[in-house]
């Protein structure tokens, strides 16, 4: 899970491919007993953070999907 997807963290290379850069806030989230584990660290850029992160109730990789949606909006 990246936890900090925002427009500033995307770059287009010389071939026109979009790349996600700056993965310094990334964390590996493992699957245990067929359930995705959660993490509770509050980290990221507030304007692009999913509500799950802000509320501090734990989150998984779906927060990156929220941030990507905010970027596309």
C-alpha atoms as a PDB file:
ATOM      1  CA  UNK A   1       0.000   0.000   0.000  1.00  0.00           C
ATOM      2  CA  UNK A   2       1.484   3.342  -1.055  1.00  0.00           C
ATOM      3  CA  UNK A   3      -0.458   5.616   1.344  1.00  0.00           C
ATOM      4  CA  UNK A   4       0.552   8.809  -0.487  1.00  0.00           C
ATOM      5  CA  UNK A   5      -0.876   8.755  -4.011  1.00  0.00           C
ATOM      6  CA  UNK A   6      -1.148  12.331  -5.273  1.00  0.00           C
ATOM      7  CA  UNK A   7      -0.456  14.107  -8.586  1.00  0.00           C
ATOM      8  CA  UNK A   8       3.014  15.182  -7.440  1.00  0.00           C
ATOM      9  CA  UNK A   9       4.022  11.520  -7.138  1.00  0.00           C
ATOM     10  CA  UNK A  10       3.375  10.665 -10.799  1.00  0.00           C
ATOM     11  CA  UNK A  11       5.860  11.132 -13.604  1.00  0.00           C
ATOM     12  CA  UNK A  12       5.687  10.433 -17.350  1.00  0.00           C
ATOM     13  CA  UNK A  13       8.791   8.824 -18.830  1.00  0.00           C
ATOM     14  CA  UNK A  14      10.274   9.462 -22.272  1.00  0.00           C
ATOM     15  CA  UNK A  15       8.080   6.738 -23.817  1.00  0.00           C
ATOM     16  CA  UNK A  16       4.879   8.235 -22.413  1.00  0.00           C
ATOM     17  CA  UNK A  17       4.352   5.708 -19.615  1.00  0.00           C
ATOM     18  CA  UNK A  18       3.072   7.002 -16.295  1.00  0.00           C
ATOM     19  CA  UNK A  19       5.146   5.938 -13.292  1.00  0.00           C
ATOM     20  CA  UNK A  20       4.440   6.221  -9.582  1.00  0.00           C
ATOM     21  CA  UNK A  21       7.464   7.712  -7.833  1.00  0.00           C
ATOM     22  CA  UNK A  22       8.307   8.460  -4.193  1.00  0.00           C
ATOM     23  CA  UNK A  23       7.319   5.235  -2.497  1.00  0.00           C
ATOM     24  CA  UNK A  24       8.880   6.295   0.812  1.00  0.00           C
ATOM     25  CA  UNK A  25       5.569   5.918   2.681  1.00  0.00           C
ATOM     26  CA  UNK A  26       4.803   2.450   1.282  1.00  0.00           C
ATOM     27  CA  UNK A  27       4.149  -0.552   3.496  1.00  0.00           C
ATOM     28  CA  UNK A  28       3.679  -4.242   2.762  1.00  0.00           C
ATOM     29  CA  UNK A  29       0.340  -5.544   4.010  1.00  0.00           C
ATOM     30  CA  UNK A  30       0.123  -9.291   4.318  1.00  0.00           C
ATOM     31  CA  UNK A  31      -2.817 -11.667   4.019  1.00  0.00           C
ATOM     32  CA  UNK A  32      -3.465 -13.847   7.067  1.00  0.00           C
ATOM     33  CA  UNK A  33      -6.066 -16.639   7.115  1.00  0.00           C
ATOM     34  CA  UNK A  34      -7.551 -15.393   3.818  1.00  0.00           C
ATOM     35  CA  UNK A  35      -8.101 -11.933   5.345  1.00  0.00           C
ATOM     36  CA  UNK A  36      -6.142  -8.806   4.502  1.00  0.00           C
ATOM     37  CA  UNK A  37      -4.425  -7.465   7.600  1.00  0.00           C
ATOM     38  CA  UNK A  38      -4.742  -3.787   8.471  1.00  0.00           C
ATOM     39  CA  UNK A  39      -2.334  -1.063   9.462  1.00  0.00           C
ATOM     40  CA  UNK A  40      -3.110   1.898  11.696  1.00  0.00           C
ATOM     41  CA  UNK A  41      -0.377   4.458  10.934  1.00  0.00           C
ATOM     42  CA  UNK A  42      -1.750   7.889  10.032  1.00  0.00           C
ATOM     43  CA  UNK A  43       0.462   8.957   7.136  1.00  0.00           C
ATOM     44  CA  UNK A  44      -0.022  10.707   3.797  1.00  0.00           C
ATOM     45  CA  UNK A  45      -1.187  13.993   2.334  1.00  0.00           C
ATOM     46  CA  UNK A  46      -4.459  15.025   4.037  1.00  0.00           C
ATOM     47  CA  UNK A  47      -6.257  16.185   0.871  1.00  0.00           C
ATOM     48  CA  UNK A  48      -5.793  12.766  -0.743  1.00  0.00           C
ATOM     49  CA  UNK A  49      -6.215  10.546   2.341  1.00  0.00           C
ATOM     50  CA  UNK A  50      -9.070   8.077   2.569  1.00  0.00           C
ATOM     51  CA  UNK A  51     -11.450   8.488   5.523  1.00  0.00           C
ATOM     52  CA  UNK A  52     -10.210   5.136   6.871  1.00  0.00           C
ATOM     53  CA  UNK A  53      -6.755   6.620   7.470  1.00  0.00           C
ATOM     54  CA  UNK A  54      -8.044   9.841   9.023  1.00  0.00           C
ATOM     55  CA  UNK A  55     -10.370   8.003  11.423  1.00  0.00           C
ATOM     56  CA  UNK A  56      -7.528   5.754  12.596  1.00  0.00           C
ATOM     57  CA  UNK A  57      -9.663   2.585  12.573  1.00  0.00           C
ATOM     58  CA  UNK A  58      -7.214   0.630  10.435  1.00  0.00           C
ATOM     59  CA  UNK A  59      -6.981   0.303   6.676  1.00  0.00           C
ATOM     60  CA  UNK A  60      -5.672  -1.889   3.869  1.00  0.00           C
ATOM     61  CA  UNK A  61      -4.711  -1.419   0.218  1.00  0.00           C
ATOM     62  CA  UNK A  62      -8.105   0.046  -0.735  1.00  0.00           C
ATOM     63  CA  UNK A  63      -7.012   3.472   0.557  1.00  0.00           C
ATOM     64  CA  UNK A  64      -4.801   3.768  -2.543  1.00  0.00           C
ATOM     65  CA  UNK A  65      -7.883   3.313  -4.724  1.00  0.00           C
ATOM     66  CA  UNK A  66      -9.558   6.194  -2.866  1.00  0.00           C
ATOM     67  CA  UNK A  67      -6.528   8.448  -3.383  1.00  0.00           C
ATOM     68  CA  UNK A  68      -6.370   7.568  -7.068  1.00  0.00           C
ATOM     69  CA  UNK A  69     -10.063   8.467  -7.403  1.00  0.00           C
ATOM     70  CA  UNK A  70      -9.411  11.844  -5.785  1.00  0.00           C
ATOM     71  CA  UNK A  71      -6.574  12.449  -8.248  1.00  0.00           C
ATOM     72  CA  UNK A  72      -8.781  11.572 -11.216  1.00  0.00           C
ATOM     73  CA  UNK A  73     -11.602  13.767  -9.942  1.00  0.00           C
END
